[in-house]
Amino acid sequence: MYSNRIIFGDYNNHLISRLHSRAIFNDFMGKVDKSKEVQLDFSGVRVVTLSFATELFSNIEKCSLRYTIMNDNQFVREILGFAVHSTNGLHVQ
């Protein structure tokens, strides 16, 4: 059964590296219905680095996933917003 809600706080409350982002992305890709919108839930997450976020959104963009961001604090929201805009159209090989 698919769950299209990814709770990042279940992984850690500090999301800091590209490698961690890739590992989380690879883990949840096997658990979501890619034809439906994915909810990226940041409840419980206190810190997200730009490197984590840009890796996450680069991978999401490569897979053409539709998503919503929810339950983010202001710091996390600002980092995620910057990452989304900076990876828009970016295709990392």
PDB file of N, CA and C in Angstrom:
ATOM      1  N   MET A   1       0.835  -1.184   0.000  1.00  0.00           N
ATOM      2  CA  MET A   1       0.000   0.000   0.000  1.00  0.00           C
ATOM      3  C   MET A   1       0.879   1.246   0.000  1.00  0.00           C
ATOM      4  N   TYR A   2       0.526   2.195  -0.839  1.00  0.00           N
ATOM      5  CA  TYR A   2       1.296   3.421  -0.955  1.00  0.00           C
ATOM      6  C   TYR A   2       0.842   4.448   0.070  1.00  0.00           C
ATOM      7  N   SER A   3       1.801   5.234   0.538  1.00  0.00           N
ATOM      8  CA  SER A   3       1.496   6.415   1.346  1.00  0.00           C
ATOM      9  C   SER A   3       2.147   7.591   0.651  1.00  0.00           C
ATOM     10  N   ASN A   4       1.381   8.583   0.290  1.00  0.00           N
ATOM     11  CA  ASN A   4       1.956   9.709  -0.422  1.00  0.00           C
ATOM     12  C   ASN A   4       2.290  10.873   0.499  1.00  0.00           C
ATOM     13  N   ARG A   5       2.535  10.550   1.749  1.00  0.00           N
ATOM     14  CA  ARG A   5       2.969  11.550   2.717  1.00  0.00           C
ATOM     15  C   ARG A   5       4.311  11.106   3.283  1.00  0.00           C
ATOM     16  N   ILE A   6       5.329  11.907   3.049  1.00  0.00           N
ATOM     17  CA  ILE A   6       6.668  11.607   3.544  1.00  0.00           C
ATOM     18  C   ILE A   6       6.916  12.507   4.749  1.00  0.00           C
ATOM     19  N   ILE A   7       7.119  11.900   5.908  1.00  0.00           N
ATOM     20  CA  ILE A   7       7.364  12.664   7.136  1.00  0.00           C
ATOM     21  C   ILE A   7       8.875  12.675   7.389  1.00  0.00           C
ATOM     22  N   PHE A   8       9.505  13.789   7.029  1.00  0.00           N
ATOM     23  CA  PHE A   8      10.956  13.890   7.124  1.00  0.00           C
ATOM     24  C   PHE A   8      11.451  13.820   8.564  1.00  0.00           C
ATOM     25  N   GLY A   9      10.626  14.242   9.523  1.00  0.00           N
ATOM     26  CA  GLY A   9      11.006  14.148  10.928  1.00  0.00           C
ATOM     27  C   GLY A   9      11.211  12.715  11.390  1.00  0.00           C
ATOM     28  N   ASP A  10      10.631  11.754  10.670  1.00  0.00           N
ATOM     29  CA  ASP A  10      10.848  10.343  10.994  1.00  0.00           C
ATOM     30  C   ASP A  10      12.281   9.919  10.659  1.00  0.00           C
ATOM     31  N   TYR A  11      12.935  10.643   9.768  1.00  0.00           N
ATOM     32  CA  TYR A  11      14.310  10.332   9.388  1.00  0.00           C
ATOM     33  C   TYR A  11      15.301  11.013  10.330  1.00  0.00           C
ATOM     34  N   ASN A  12      15.052  12.294  10.629  1.00  0.00           N
ATOM     35  CA  ASN A  12      15.920  13.054  11.516  1.00  0.00           C
ATOM     36  C   ASN A  12      15.347  14.454  11.658  1.00  0.00           C
ATOM     37  N   ASN A  13      15.711  15.163  12.722  1.00  0.00           N
ATOM     38  CA  ASN A  13      15.239  16.542  12.851  1.00  0.00           C
ATOM     39  C   ASN A  13      16.254  17.544  12.313  1.00  0.00           C
ATOM     40  N   HIS A  14      17.426  17.050  11.895  1.00  0.00           N
ATOM     41  CA  HIS A  14      18.443  17.864  11.229  1.00  0.00           C
ATOM     42  C   HIS A  14      18.773  17.174   9.903  1.00  0.00           C
ATOM     43  N   LEU A  15      18.384  17.773   8.814  1.00  0.00           N
ATOM     44  CA  LEU A  15      18.600  17.203   7.473  1.00  0.00           C
ATOM     45  C   LEU A  15      19.710  18.011   6.822  1.00  0.00           C
ATOM     46  N   ILE A  16      20.918  17.412   6.746  1.00  0.00           N
ATOM     47  CA  ILE A  16      22.056  18.268   6.449  1.00  0.00           C
ATOM     48  C   ILE A  16      22.905  17.924   5.223  1.00  0.00           C
ATOM     49  N   SER A  17      22.877  16.700   4.742  1.00  0.00           N
ATOM     50  CA  SER A  17      23.820  16.389   3.654  1.00  0.00           C
ATOM     51  C   SER A  17      23.117  15.918   2.388  1.00  0.00           C
ATOM     52  N   ARG A  18      23.828  16.054   1.271  1.00  0.00           N
ATOM     53  CA  ARG A  18      23.324  15.549  -0.010  1.00  0.00           C
ATOM     54  C   ARG A  18      23.137  14.034   0.045  1.00  0.00           C
ATOM     55  N   LEU A  19      24.075  13.343   0.677  1.00  0.00           N
ATOM     56  CA  LEU A  19      23.985  11.881   0.768  1.00  0.00           C
ATOM     57  C   LEU A  19      22.752  11.461   1.561  1.00  0.00           C
ATOM     58  N   HIS A  20      22.464  12.172   2.634  1.00  0.00           N
ATOM     59  CA  HIS A  20      21.273  11.882   3.429  1.00  0.00           C
ATOM     60  C   HIS A  20      20.015  12.146   2.599  1.00  0.00           C
ATOM     61  N   SER A  21      20.021  13.224   1.844  1.00  0.00           N
ATOM     62  CA  SER A  21      18.891  13.563   0.985  1.00  0.00           C
ATOM     63  C   SER A  21      18.651  12.468  -0.043  1.00  0.00           C
ATOM     64  N   ARG A  22      19.727  12.002  -0.684  1.00  0.00           N
ATOM     65  CA  ARG A  22      19.618  10.935  -1.680  1.00  0.00           C
ATOM     66  C   ARG A  22      19.079   9.652  -1.065  1.00  0.00           C
ATOM     67  N   ALA A  23      19.566   9.322   0.126  1.00  0.00           N
ATOM     68  CA  ALA A  23      19.123   8.098   0.797  1.00  0.00           C
ATOM     69  C   ALA A  23      17.632   8.176   1.138  1.00  0.00           C
ATOM     70  N   ILE A  24      17.188   9.321   1.643  1.00  0.00           N
ATOM     71  CA  ILE A  24      15.771   9.499   1.976  1.00  0.00           C
ATOM     72  C   ILE A  24      14.931   9.452   0.701  1.00  0.00           C
ATOM     73  N   PHE A  25      15.385  10.140  -0.341  1.00  0.00           N
ATOM     74  CA  PHE A  25      14.660  10.149  -1.607  1.00  0.00           C
ATOM     75  C   PHE A  25      14.515   8.732  -2.148  1.00  0.00           C
ATOM     76  N   ASN A  26      15.600   7.986  -2.178  1.00  0.00           N
ATOM     77  CA  ASN A  26      15.556   6.612  -2.684  1.00  0.00           C
ATOM     78  C   ASN A  26      14.633   5.737  -1.839  1.00  0.00           C
ATOM     79  N   ASP A  27      14.628   5.963  -0.537  1.00  0.00           N
ATOM     80  CA  ASP A  27      13.748   5.203   0.346  1.00  0.00           C
ATOM     81  C   ASP A  27      12.288   5.489   0.054  1.00  0.00           C
ATOM     82  N   PHE A  28      11.930   6.762  -0.047  1.00  0.00           N
ATOM     83  CA  PHE A  28      10.501   7.053  -0.232  1.00  0.00           C
ATOM     84  C   PHE A  28      10.014   6.845  -1.650  1.00  0.00           C
ATOM     85  N   MET A  29      10.891   6.808  -2.625  1.00  0.00           N
ATOM     86  CA  MET A  29      10.435   6.563  -4.002  1.00  0.00           C
ATOM     87  C   MET A  29       9.800   5.188  -4.148  1.00  0.00           C
ATOM     88  N   GLY A  30      10.220   4.235  -3.350  1.00  0.00           N
ATOM     89  CA  GLY A  30       9.623   2.907  -3.399  1.00  0.00           C
ATOM     90  C   GLY A  30       8.307   2.809  -2.644  1.00  0.00           C
ATOM     91  N   LYS A  31       7.950   3.880  -1.938  1.00  0.00           N
ATOM     92  CA  LYS A  31       6.761   3.844  -1.083  1.00  0.00           C
ATOM     93  C   LYS A  31       5.637   4.762  -1.544  1.00  0.00           C
ATOM     94  N   VAL A  32       5.846   5.536  -2.618  1.00  0.00           N
ATOM     95  CA  VAL A  32       4.831   6.497  -3.052  1.00  0.00           C
ATOM     96  C   VAL A  32       4.221   6.100  -4.390  1.00  0.00           C
ATOM     97  N   ASP A  33       3.009   6.547  -4.586  1.00  0.00           N
ATOM     98  CA  ASP A  33       2.341   6.409  -5.878  1.00  0.00           C
ATOM     99  C   ASP A  33       2.757   7.624  -6.704  1.00  0.00           C
ATOM    100  N   LYS A  34       3.619   7.404  -7.666  1.00  0.00           N
ATOM    101  CA  LYS A  34       4.209   8.503  -8.443  1.00  0.00           C
ATOM    102  C   LYS A  34       3.202   9.232  -9.324  1.00  0.00           C
ATOM    103  N   SER A  35       2.026   8.658  -9.501  1.00  0.00           N
ATOM    104  CA  SER A  35       1.010   9.309 -10.330  1.00  0.00           C
ATOM    105  C   SER A  35       0.197  10.321  -9.523  1.00  0.00           C
ATOM    106  N   LYS A  36       0.398  10.353  -8.212  1.00  0.00           N
ATOM    107  CA  LYS A  36      -0.352  11.267  -7.349  1.00  0.00           C
ATOM    108  C   LYS A  36       0.595  12.254  -6.681  1.00  0.00           C
ATOM    109  N   GLU A  37       0.027  13.344  -6.199  1.00  0.00           N
ATOM    110  CA  GLU A  37       0.820  14.357  -5.513  1.00  0.00           C
ATOM    111  C   GLU A  37       1.398  13.789  -4.220  1.00  0.00           C
ATOM    112  N   VAL A  38       2.653  14.114  -3.955  1.00  0.00           N
ATOM    113  CA  VAL A  38       3.348  13.664  -2.760  1.00  0.00           C
ATOM    114  C   VAL A  38       3.377  14.819  -1.754  1.00  0.00           C
ATOM    115  N   GLN A  39       3.018  14.527  -0.509  1.00  0.00           N
ATOM    116  CA  GLN A  39       3.073  15.527   0.560  1.00  0.00           C
ATOM    117  C   GLN A  39       4.418  15.413   1.254  1.00  0.00           C
ATOM    118  N   LEU A  40       5.193  16.488   1.207  1.00  0.00           N
ATOM    119  CA  LEU A  40       6.483  16.541   1.884  1.00  0.00           C
ATOM    120  C   LEU A  40       6.245  17.199   3.237  1.00  0.00           C
ATOM    121  N   ASP A  41       6.187  16.403   4.283  1.00  0.00           N
ATOM    122  CA  ASP A  41       5.828  16.861   5.625  1.00  0.00           C
ATOM    123  C   ASP A  41       7.099  17.049   6.455  1.00  0.00           C
ATOM    124  N   PHE A  42       7.351  18.282   6.854  1.00  0.00           N
ATOM    125  CA  PHE A  42       8.566  18.609   7.602  1.00  0.00           C
ATOM    126  C   PHE A  42       8.298  18.784   9.092  1.00  0.00           C
ATOM    127  N   SER A  43       7.200  18.210   9.611  1.00  0.00           N
ATOM    128  CA  SER A  43       6.956  18.322  11.047  1.00  0.00           C
ATOM    129  C   SER A  43       8.084  17.624  11.805  1.00  0.00           C
ATOM    130  N   GLY A  44       8.534  18.297  12.856  1.00  0.00           N
ATOM    131  CA  GLY A  44       9.617  17.765  13.667  1.00  0.00           C
ATOM    132  C   GLY A  44      11.004  18.109  13.154  1.00  0.00           C
ATOM    133  N   VAL A  45      11.103  18.667  11.961  1.00  0.00           N
ATOM    134  CA  VAL A  45      12.411  19.031  11.403  1.00  0.00           C
ATOM    135  C   VAL A  45      12.770  20.447  11.850  1.00  0.00           C
ATOM    136  N   ARG A  46      13.927  20.576  12.443  1.00  0.00           N
ATOM    137  CA  ARG A  46      14.368  21.882  12.932  1.00  0.00           C
ATOM    138  C   ARG A  46      15.316  22.576  11.958  1.00  0.00           C
ATOM    139  N   VAL A  47      16.148  21.778  11.270  1.00  0.00           N
ATOM    140  CA  VAL A  47      17.170  22.346  10.384  1.00  0.00           C
ATOM    141  C   VAL A  47      17.210  21.575   9.075  1.00  0.00           C
ATOM    142  N   VAL A  48      17.253  22.323   7.980  1.00  0.00           N
ATOM    143  CA  VAL A  48      17.495  21.768   6.646  1.00  0.00           C
ATOM    144  C   VAL A  48      18.583  22.616   6.015  1.00  0.00           C
ATOM    145  N   THR A  49      19.611  21.980   5.485  1.00  0.00           N
ATOM    146  CA  THR A  49      20.646  22.750   4.799  1.00  0.00           C
ATOM    147  C   THR A  49      20.297  22.898   3.323  1.00  0.00           C
ATOM    148  N   LEU A  50      20.897  23.875   2.710  1.00  0.00           N
ATOM    149  CA  LEU A  50      20.672  24.108   1.287  1.00  0.00           C
ATOM    150  C   LEU A  50      21.136  22.914   0.460  1.00  0.00           C
ATOM    151  N   SER A  51      22.228  22.277   0.846  1.00  0.00           N
ATOM    152  CA  SER A  51      22.707  21.126   0.066  1.00  0.00           C
ATOM    153  C   SER A  51      21.712  19.964   0.139  1.00  0.00           C
ATOM    154  N   PHE A  52      21.119  19.717   1.300  1.00  0.00           N
ATOM    155  CA  PHE A  52      20.087  18.681   1.416  1.00  0.00           C
ATOM    156  C   PHE A  52      18.904  19.025   0.518  1.00  0.00           C
ATOM    157  N   ALA A  53      18.442  20.261   0.623  1.00  0.00           N
ATOM    158  CA  ALA A  53      17.234  20.681  -0.095  1.00  0.00           C
ATOM    159  C   ALA A  53      17.436  20.700  -1.607  1.00  0.00           C
ATOM    160  N   THR A  54      18.564  21.199  -2.092  1.00  0.00           N
ATOM    161  CA  THR A  54      18.771  21.237  -3.551  1.00  0.00           C
ATOM    162  C   THR A  54      18.883  19.822  -4.112  1.00  0.00           C
ATOM    163  N   GLU A  55      19.509  18.929  -3.377  1.00  0.00           N
ATOM    164  CA  GLU A  55      19.577  17.525  -3.824  1.00  0.00           C
ATOM    165  C   GLU A  55      18.176  16.914  -3.885  1.00  0.00           C
ATOM    166  N   LEU A  56      17.390  17.171  -2.866  1.00  0.00           N
ATOM    167  CA  LEU A  56      16.024  16.643  -2.826  1.00  0.00           C
ATOM    168  C   LEU A  56      15.201  17.137  -4.009  1.00  0.00           C
ATOM    169  N   PHE A  57      15.189  18.448  -4.240  1.00  0.00           N
ATOM    170  CA  PHE A  57      14.346  18.989  -5.303  1.00  0.00           C
ATOM    171  C   PHE A  57      14.892  18.707  -6.699  1.00  0.00           C
ATOM    172  N   SER A  58      16.198  18.533  -6.829  1.00  0.00           N
ATOM    173  CA  SER A  58      16.753  18.104  -8.123  1.00  0.00           C
ATOM    174  C   SER A  58      16.240  16.709  -8.466  1.00  0.00           C
ATOM    175  N   ASN A  59      16.242  15.826  -7.479  1.00  0.00           N
ATOM    176  CA  ASN A  59      15.746  14.468  -7.702  1.00  0.00           C
ATOM    177  C   ASN A  59      14.249  14.447  -7.955  1.00  0.00           C
ATOM    178  N   ILE A  60      13.509  15.258  -7.222  1.00  0.00           N
ATOM    179  CA  ILE A  60      12.062  15.341  -7.434  1.00  0.00           C
ATOM    180  C   ILE A  60      11.763  15.841  -8.840  1.00  0.00           C
ATOM    181  N   GLU A  61      12.508  16.841  -9.290  1.00  0.00           N
ATOM    182  CA  GLU A  61      12.286  17.386 -10.625  1.00  0.00           C
ATOM    183  C   GLU A  61      12.621  16.365 -11.712  1.00  0.00           C
ATOM    184  N   LYS A  62      13.699  15.613 -11.524  1.00  0.00           N
ATOM    185  CA  LYS A  62      14.064  14.579 -12.504  1.00  0.00           C
ATOM    186  C   LYS A  62      12.950  13.557 -12.693  1.00  0.00           C
ATOM    187  N   CYS A  63      12.238  13.272 -11.608  1.00  0.00           N
ATOM    188  CA  CYS A  63      11.157  12.267 -11.656  1.00  0.00           C
ATOM    189  C   CYS A  63       9.808  12.886 -11.975  1.00  0.00           C
ATOM    190  N   SER A  64       9.774  14.202 -12.156  1.00  0.00           N
ATOM    191  CA  SER A  64       8.529  14.929 -12.462  1.00  0.00           C
ATOM    192  C   SER A  64       7.426  14.660 -11.442  1.00  0.00           C
ATOM    193  N   LEU A  65       7.822  14.590 -10.167  1.00  0.00           N
ATOM    194  CA  LEU A  65       6.832  14.390  -9.108  1.00  0.00           C
ATOM    195  C   LEU A  65       6.101  15.693  -8.806  1.00  0.00           C
ATOM    196  N   ARG A  66       4.812  15.586  -8.570  1.00  0.00           N
ATOM    197  CA  ARG A  66       4.041  16.727  -8.071  1.00  0.00           C
ATOM    198  C   ARG A  66       4.068  16.632  -6.553  1.00  0.00           C
ATOM    199  N   TYR A  67       4.224  17.767  -5.884  1.00  0.00           N
ATOM    200  CA  TYR A  67       4.364  17.733  -4.436  1.00  0.00           C
ATOM    201  C   TYR A  67       3.793  18.990  -3.789  1.00  0.00           C
ATOM    202  N   THR A  68       3.505  18.874  -2.504  1.00  0.00           N
ATOM    203  CA  THR A  68       3.194  20.012  -1.654  1.00  0.00           C
ATOM    204  C   THR A  68       4.099  19.918  -0.435  1.00  0.00           C
ATOM    205  N   ILE A  69       4.433  21.078   0.098  1.00  0.00           N
ATOM    206  CA  ILE A  69       5.257  21.149   1.296  1.00  0.00           C
ATOM    207  C   ILE A  69       4.348  21.534   2.451  1.00  0.00           C
ATOM    208  N   MET A  70       4.497  20.847   3.574  1.00  0.00           N
ATOM    209  CA  MET A  70       3.643  21.141   4.721  1.00  0.00           C
ATOM    210  C   MET A  70       4.419  21.050   6.027  1.00  0.00           C
ATOM    211  N   ASN A  71       3.876  21.730   7.034  1.00  0.00           N
ATOM    212  CA  ASN A  71       4.382  21.680   8.405  1.00  0.00           C
ATOM    213  C   ASN A  71       5.856  22.064   8.529  1.00  0.00           C
ATOM    214  N   ASP A  72       6.249  23.087   7.801  1.00  0.00           N
ATOM    215  CA  ASP A  72       7.626  23.556   7.876  1.00  0.00           C
ATOM    216  C   ASP A  72       7.693  24.809   8.751  1.00  0.00           C
ATOM    217  N   ASN A  73       8.778  24.933   9.530  1.00  0.00           N
ATOM    218  CA  ASN A  73       8.966  26.159  10.294  1.00  0.00           C
ATOM    219  C   ASN A  73       9.551  27.236   9.375  1.00  0.00           C
ATOM    220  N   GLN A  74       9.660  28.446   9.858  1.00  0.00           N
ATOM    221  CA  GLN A  74      10.081  29.546   8.986  1.00  0.00           C
ATOM    222  C   GLN A  74      11.473  29.338   8.415  1.00  0.00           C
ATOM    223  N   PHE A  75      12.416  28.871   9.229  1.00  0.00           N
ATOM    224  CA  PHE A  75      13.776  28.630   8.740  1.00  0.00           C
ATOM    225  C   PHE A  75      13.756  27.580   7.627  1.00  0.00           C
ATOM    226  N   VAL A  76      13.084  26.471   7.883  1.00  0.00           N
ATOM    227  CA  VAL A  76      12.999  25.384   6.896  1.00  0.00           C
ATOM    228  C   VAL A  76      12.305  25.893   5.637  1.00  0.00           C
ATOM    229  N   ARG A  77      11.232  26.653   5.788  1.00  0.00           N
ATOM    230  CA  ARG A  77      10.479  27.198   4.650  1.00  0.00           C
ATOM    231  C   ARG A  77      11.372  28.060   3.754  1.00  0.00           C
ATOM    232  N   GLU A  78      12.189  28.908   4.362  1.00  0.00           N
ATOM    233  CA  GLU A  78      13.066  29.782   3.571  1.00  0.00           C
ATOM    234  C   GLU A  78      14.102  28.987   2.799  1.00  0.00           C
ATOM    235  N   ILE A  79      14.706  27.998   3.427  1.00  0.00           N
ATOM    236  CA  ILE A  79      15.701  27.157   2.749  1.00  0.00           C
ATOM    237  C   ILE A  79      15.045  26.368   1.614  1.00  0.00           C
ATOM    238  N   LEU A  80      13.892  25.768   1.895  1.00  0.00           N
ATOM    239  CA  LEU A  80      13.196  24.988   0.865  1.00  0.00           C
ATOM    240  C   LEU A  80      12.775  25.871  -0.300  1.00  0.00           C
ATOM    241  N   GLY A  81      12.279  27.063   0.000  1.00  0.00           N
ATOM    242  CA  GLY A  81      11.873  27.995  -1.058  1.00  0.00           C
ATOM    243  C   GLY A  81      13.038  28.375  -1.946  1.00  0.00           C
ATOM    244  N   PHE A  82      14.179  28.669  -1.331  1.00  0.00           N
ATOM    245  CA  PHE A  82      15.360  29.010  -2.112  1.00  0.00           C
ATOM    246  C   PHE A  82      15.806  27.828  -2.962  1.00  0.00           C
ATOM    247  N   ALA A  83      15.775  26.626  -2.384  1.00  0.00           N
ATOM    248  CA  ALA A  83      16.196  25.425  -3.125  1.00  0.00           C
ATOM    249  C   ALA A  83      15.280  25.149  -4.303  1.00  0.00           C
ATOM    250  N   VAL A  84      13.976  25.301  -4.102  1.00  0.00           N
ATOM    251  CA  VAL A  84      13.020  25.069  -5.198  1.00  0.00           C
ATOM    252  C   VAL A  84      13.309  26.026  -6.339  1.00  0.00           C
ATOM    253  N   HIS A  85      13.507  27.296  -6.028  1.00  0.00           N
ATOM    254  CA  HIS A  85      13.755  28.286  -7.083  1.00  0.00           C
ATOM    255  C   HIS A  85      15.123  28.100  -7.739  1.00  0.00           C
ATOM    256  N   SER A  86      16.116  27.686  -6.970  1.00  0.00           N
ATOM    257  CA  SER A  86      17.448  27.528  -7.543  1.00  0.00           C
ATOM    258  C   SER A  86      17.566  26.260  -8.382  1.00  0.00           C
ATOM    259  N   THR A  87      16.730  25.253  -8.125  1.00  0.00           N
ATOM    260  CA  THR A  87      16.789  24.022  -8.921  1.00  0.00           C
ATOM    261  C   THR A  87      15.786  24.014 -10.052  1.00  0.00           C
ATOM    262  N   ASN A  88      14.945  25.023 -10.140  1.00  0.00           N
ATOM    263  CA  ASN A  88      13.962  25.096 -11.212  1.00  0.00           C
ATOM    264  C   ASN A  88      14.662  25.050 -12.563  1.00  0.00           C
ATOM    265  N   GLY A  89      14.419  24.010 -13.302  1.00  0.00           N
ATOM    266  CA  GLY A  89      15.042  23.880 -14.618  1.00  0.00           C
ATOM    267  C   GLY A  89      16.425  23.287 -14.585  1.00  0.00           C
ATOM    268  N   LEU A  90      16.958  23.035 -13.389  1.00  0.00           N
ATOM    269  CA  LEU A  90      18.290  22.457 -13.263  1.00  0.00           C
ATOM    270  C   LEU A  90      18.179  20.942 -13.355  1.00  0.00           C
ATOM    271  N   HIS A  91      18.946  20.349 -14.225  1.00  0.00           N
ATOM    272  CA  HIS A  91      18.946  18.888 -14.350  1.00  0.00           C
ATOM    273  C   HIS A  91      20.364  18.402 -14.112  1.00  0.00           C
ATOM    274  N   VAL A  92      20.623  17.897 -12.908  1.00  0.00           N
ATOM    275  CA  VAL A  92      21.933  17.408 -12.555  1.00  0.00           C
ATOM    276  C   VAL A  92      22.071  15.987 -13.085  1.00  0.00           C
ATOM    277  N   GLN A  93      23.167  15.692 -13.736  1.00  0.00           N
ATOM    278  CA  GLN A  93      23.414  14.359 -14.290  1.00  0.00           C
ATOM    279  C   GLN A  93      24.010  13.450 -13.247  1.00  0.00           C
TER     280      GLN A  93
END
